[in-house]
Each structure stands twice: as structure tokens, then as C-alpha cells.
Protein backbone atom coordinates (compact mmCIF):
# COMPACT_ATOMS: atom_id res chain seq x y z
CA MET A 1 -31.68 -10.23 46.85
CA PHE A 2 -27.93 -10.71 46.90
CA ASP A 3 -25.83 -9.06 44.22
CA GLU A 4 -22.07 -9.16 43.61
CA GLU A 5 -19.70 -8.22 40.81
CA TRP A 6 -16.31 -9.73 39.94
CA ARG A 7 -13.50 -8.62 37.64
CA ASN A 8 -13.41 -11.93 35.77
CA ASN A 9 -14.49 -15.59 35.95
CA THR A 10 -11.35 -16.66 37.80
CA VAL A 11 -12.02 -14.22 40.64
CA MET A 12 -15.68 -15.26 40.71
CA GLU A 13 -14.84 -18.97 40.86
CA ARG A 14 -12.33 -18.33 43.64
CA HIS A 15 -15.04 -16.51 45.59
CA LEU A 16 -17.52 -19.37 45.07
CA CYS A 17 -15.05 -21.68 46.82
CA THR A 18 -14.62 -19.58 49.98
CA GLN A 19 -15.92 -20.46 53.43
CA ASP A 20 -18.05 -17.30 53.37
CA TYR A 21 -19.79 -18.47 50.21
CA LEU A 22 -20.24 -21.94 51.70
CA LEU A 23 -22.18 -20.31 54.56
CA LEU A 24 -24.38 -18.54 52.03
CA LEU A 25 -25.03 -21.87 50.29
CA LEU A 26 -26.03 -23.44 53.60
CA VAL A 27 -28.46 -20.60 54.28
CA MET A 28 -29.96 -21.03 50.80
CA GLU A 29 -30.42 -24.76 51.45
CA MET A 30 -32.43 -23.96 54.59
CA SER A 31 -34.79 -21.70 52.67
CA LEU A 32 -38.43 -22.73 52.44
CA LYS A 33 -38.41 -21.84 48.73
CA PRO A 34 -35.73 -22.92 46.26
CA PRO A 35 -33.42 -19.97 45.67
CA GLU A 36 -33.27 -18.28 42.30
CA ILE A 37 -29.61 -18.22 41.26
CA ARG A 38 -28.47 -16.29 38.22
CA PHE A 39 -24.99 -15.38 37.05
CA SER A 40 -25.08 -12.68 34.41
CA THR A 41 -21.95 -12.70 32.30
CA ILE A 42 -21.53 -12.83 28.56
CA THR A 43 -23.75 -15.88 28.92
CA SER A 44 -26.27 -16.49 31.70
CA ALA A 45 -26.08 -19.55 33.94
CA GLY A 46 -27.29 -20.80 37.30
CA LEU A 47 -26.41 -23.44 39.85
CA GLU A 48 -24.05 -25.22 37.45
CA VAL A 49 -21.56 -22.33 37.82
CA ILE A 50 -21.27 -23.02 41.57
CA GLU A 51 -20.95 -26.77 41.02
CA LYS A 52 -18.24 -26.33 38.40
CA ALA A 53 -16.16 -24.03 40.62
CA ARG A 54 -16.49 -26.18 43.73
CA ILE A 55 -15.73 -29.44 41.90
CA LYS A 56 -12.64 -27.83 40.37
CA LYS A 57 -11.50 -26.78 43.86
CA GLU A 58 -12.08 -30.29 45.27
CA LYS A 59 -9.92 -31.82 42.54
CA VAL A 60 -7.09 -29.40 43.33
CA GLU A 61 -7.31 -30.05 47.08
CA GLN A 62 -7.38 -33.85 46.93
CA PRO A 63 -4.26 -35.30 48.54
CA VAL A 64 -1.83 -37.05 46.26
CA ARG A 65 -1.54 -40.70 47.21
CA GLN A 66 1.94 -42.08 47.06
CA LYS A 67 2.77 -45.69 46.44
CA LEU A 68 4.78 -47.25 49.22
CA PHE A 69 6.27 -49.92 46.96
């Protein structure tokens, strides 16, 4: 079991986008059994919380393409 607490959703989402958390995700993917993921907040959620945070980060990090002409 792995348990963490965050001050708010912003801090949690920031944590979900770290390299350390990416390593944890890779370990979970190698598991023989699918991991049970649960985020207990005012509402409960699962894997979609990770996906939302990581997709948001990818959008922010995408390079801006400039037109040459």
C-alpha cells in the first residue's frame, strides 16, 4: 500500500507529474496484477486523476511552433 496526502489538488497534480511519480507508474505497470488506485478527496476517483494531470502538463510543455513566413 502506498499512501500520500496533499494540501490541495494543485499540489497533488504537480506531484503526479514528477519524475518520481513516473517511476512509480512504471513499477505499477510491471505488476502482475492491475493496481488499485484511489484518490480520496471530496469526491473519489481513480486512474483518470493521473491522466488528467499528466495531459495538462504535456499541453503546457509542448513547444510553441513559430511560423517562418
